[in-house]
Amino acid sequence: MTILNVAQRGEAILSIVASPVTQQEISSEWIKQLTSAMFDTMLERQGVGIAAPQVYVSKRIIIVASRPNLRYPDAPEMQPIVMINPEITQHSEKTVVGEEGCLSVPNERGQVARAEVISVRYLNLEGHMVSQEFEGFPARVVQHEIDHLDGILFVERIK
């Protein structure tokens, strides 16, 4: 089990746009080790998602793993998903306001409006293109984590 340090609000890594993962990197041992350590770090910190920039790696990789925990007791259970170079291809016009927190902004939560339903296209760890729809809380997590890839923290979205 490898626990990584998590970048905190104000650190430069959290405000830059992350680089795409290259085709050569996708099946590399480095990516497998990074995503495994990201997953361990997310679980250790009671997160439901994590983005590579949060662990000081400016690459377009996120993990989404909604499940009930101390920080989100009502979160629905889902299988963890590693998304490489994720991109939201469609989103509902309807938005839902909900509470968010962040491993990079400890002890602060806020109400953020997010699309209720999104479609996402991403590469999995095997390099296969996947298109998937998310709704409700998992859609919120995906949008939150993709924001990290674009250098945006949830606190910037609080109205």
Protein backbone atom coordinates (compact mmCIF):
# COMPACT_ATOMS: atom_id res chain seq x y z
CA MET A 1 0.00 0.00 0.00
CA THR A 2 1.46 3.33 -1.08
CA ILE A 3 0.07 6.57 0.34
CA LEU A 4 1.05 9.70 -1.55
CA ASN A 5 1.16 13.29 -0.35
CA VAL A 6 -1.86 15.34 -1.44
CA ALA A 7 -1.36 18.84 -2.84
CA GLN A 8 -3.19 21.52 -0.89
CA ARG A 9 -5.09 24.62 -2.01
CA GLY A 10 -2.69 27.32 -3.10
CA GLU A 11 -0.08 24.96 -4.55
CA ALA A 12 0.68 25.66 -8.23
CA ILE A 13 0.08 22.06 -9.41
CA LEU A 14 -3.64 22.48 -8.64
CA SER A 15 -4.07 25.51 -10.90
CA ILE A 16 -2.56 24.26 -14.16
CA VAL A 17 -4.11 22.24 -16.97
CA ALA A 18 -2.79 18.67 -16.82
CA SER A 19 -1.10 17.07 -19.84
CA PRO A 20 -2.74 14.20 -21.73
CA VAL A 21 -1.39 10.72 -21.11
CA THR A 22 0.42 9.49 -24.23
CA GLN A 23 -0.29 6.19 -25.94
CA GLN A 24 3.12 4.88 -24.81
CA GLU A 25 2.41 5.77 -21.17
CA ILE A 26 -0.99 4.09 -20.98
CA SER A 27 0.20 0.51 -20.61
CA SER A 28 3.39 1.42 -18.75
CA GLU A 29 4.30 0.07 -15.34
CA TRP A 30 4.58 3.70 -14.18
CA ILE A 31 0.87 4.36 -14.85
CA LYS A 32 -0.14 1.11 -13.13
CA GLN A 33 1.91 2.02 -10.04
CA LEU A 34 0.64 5.61 -10.05
CA THR A 35 -3.03 4.62 -10.29
CA SER A 36 -2.60 1.97 -7.60
CA ALA A 37 -1.01 4.54 -5.26
CA MET A 38 -3.72 7.10 -6.14
CA PHE A 39 -6.37 4.53 -5.21
CA ASP A 40 -4.64 3.71 -1.89
CA THR A 41 -4.32 7.43 -1.10
CA MET A 42 -7.99 8.08 -1.92
CA LEU A 43 -9.14 5.24 0.34
CA GLU A 44 -6.82 6.27 3.18
CA ARG A 45 -8.18 9.83 3.05
CA GLN A 46 -11.86 8.77 2.81
CA GLY A 47 -12.24 10.19 -0.69
CA VAL A 48 -14.68 9.16 -3.42
CA GLY A 49 -12.42 10.33 -6.22
CA ILE A 50 -8.91 11.60 -6.88
CA ALA A 51 -7.06 13.26 -9.75
CA ALA A 52 -3.37 12.88 -10.61
CA PRO A 53 -2.60 16.60 -10.08
CA GLN A 54 -3.67 16.15 -6.45
CA VAL A 55 -0.69 13.81 -5.98
CA TYR A 56 1.71 16.13 -7.84
CA VAL A 57 1.45 14.44 -11.24
CA SER A 58 0.24 16.77 -13.99
CA LYS A 59 -1.40 14.08 -16.12
CA ARG A 60 -5.05 13.63 -17.15
CA ILE A 61 -5.88 10.66 -14.90
CA ILE A 62 -8.73 10.39 -12.42
CA ILE A 63 -10.21 7.67 -10.26
CA VAL A 64 -13.92 7.74 -9.43
CA ALA A 65 -15.02 5.43 -6.62
CA SER A 66 -18.26 6.49 -5.00
CA ARG A 67 -19.06 4.56 -1.82
CA PRO A 68 -20.33 5.39 1.65
CA ASN A 69 -17.57 6.55 3.99
CA LEU A 70 -17.01 8.97 6.87
CA ARG A 71 -16.94 12.02 4.57
CA TYR A 72 -19.86 10.90 2.36
CA PRO A 73 -22.07 8.53 4.37
CA ASP A 74 -24.90 8.60 1.80
CA ALA A 75 -22.76 8.07 -1.30
CA PRO A 76 -23.95 5.26 -3.58
CA GLU A 77 -21.73 2.21 -4.05
CA MET A 78 -19.97 1.82 -7.41
CA GLN A 79 -16.99 -0.07 -8.76
CA PRO A 80 -13.89 2.15 -8.87
CA ILE A 81 -13.06 3.41 -12.36
CA VAL A 82 -9.70 4.66 -13.60
CA MET A 83 -10.18 7.20 -16.38
CA ILE A 84 -7.30 8.26 -18.60
CA ASN A 85 -7.76 11.46 -20.65
CA PRO A 86 -11.46 11.73 -19.67
CA GLU A 87 -13.67 14.11 -21.57
CA ILE A 88 -17.29 15.05 -20.94
CA THR A 89 -19.03 14.62 -24.29
CA GLN A 90 -22.58 15.51 -23.21
CA HIS A 91 -24.28 16.91 -20.14
CA SER A 92 -27.84 17.54 -19.12
CA GLU A 93 -29.08 21.09 -19.04
CA LYS A 94 -30.59 20.33 -15.67
CA THR A 95 -28.20 21.00 -12.82
CA VAL A 96 -28.34 19.89 -9.23
CA VAL A 97 -26.80 21.73 -6.28
CA GLY A 98 -25.00 19.47 -3.84
CA GLU A 99 -22.36 19.53 -1.15
CA GLU A 100 -18.76 18.92 -2.14
CA GLY A 101 -15.49 18.63 -0.32
CA CYS A 102 -11.98 17.94 -1.54
CA LEU A 103 -8.85 16.16 -0.32
CA SER A 104 -6.92 19.26 -1.44
CA VAL A 105 -9.19 21.64 0.50
CA PRO A 106 -9.51 19.96 3.91
CA ASN A 107 -12.21 20.92 6.39
CA GLU A 108 -14.11 23.01 3.85
CA ARG A 109 -17.30 22.06 2.06
CA GLY A 110 -19.63 23.98 -0.18
CA GLN A 111 -22.71 23.83 -2.37
CA VAL A 112 -21.86 23.44 -6.07
CA ALA A 113 -24.19 23.23 -9.09
CA ARG A 114 -23.30 20.37 -11.46
CA ALA A 115 -24.99 18.74 -14.44
CA GLU A 116 -27.29 15.96 -13.21
CA VAL A 117 -26.35 13.56 -16.05
CA ILE A 118 -23.13 13.43 -18.07
CA SER A 119 -21.61 11.25 -20.77
CA VAL A 120 -17.87 10.70 -20.53
CA ARG A 121 -15.37 9.25 -22.97
CA TYR A 122 -12.05 7.97 -21.58
CA LEU A 123 -9.35 5.36 -21.98
CA ASN A 124 -9.14 2.55 -19.46
CA LEU A 125 -5.87 1.08 -18.14
CA GLU A 126 -5.76 -1.32 -21.09
CA GLY A 127 -5.93 1.62 -23.51
CA HIS A 128 -9.48 0.86 -24.70
CA MET A 129 -11.87 3.74 -25.39
CA VAL A 130 -14.91 3.65 -23.11
CA SER A 131 -18.06 5.80 -23.26
CA GLN A 132 -20.16 5.83 -20.12
CA GLU A 133 -23.06 7.78 -18.64
CA PHE A 134 -23.14 8.92 -15.02
CA GLU A 135 -26.02 10.34 -13.04
CA GLY A 136 -26.44 11.95 -9.63
CA PHE A 137 -23.58 11.71 -7.14
CA PRO A 138 -21.19 9.72 -9.39
CA ALA A 139 -21.71 12.38 -12.12
CA ARG A 140 -20.82 15.04 -9.54
CA VAL A 141 -17.61 13.19 -8.61
CA VAL A 142 -16.56 12.82 -12.26
CA GLN A 143 -17.14 16.55 -12.91
CA HIS A 144 -15.24 17.49 -9.73
CA GLU A 145 -12.26 15.33 -10.70
CA ILE A 146 -12.17 16.51 -14.32
CA ASP A 147 -12.14 20.07 -12.95
CA HIS A 148 -8.85 19.16 -11.20
CA LEU A 149 -7.41 18.22 -14.60
CA ASP A 150 -8.32 21.70 -15.82
CA GLY A 151 -6.81 23.48 -12.80
CA ILE A 152 -10.15 24.26 -11.12
CA LEU A 153 -10.97 23.66 -7.44
CA PHE A 154 -14.58 23.23 -6.32
CA VAL A 155 -14.36 26.37 -4.18
CA GLU A 156 -14.07 28.38 -7.41
CA ARG A 157 -17.50 27.07 -8.43
CA ILE A 158 -19.33 28.10 -5.24
CA LYS A 159 -21.78 30.87 -6.07
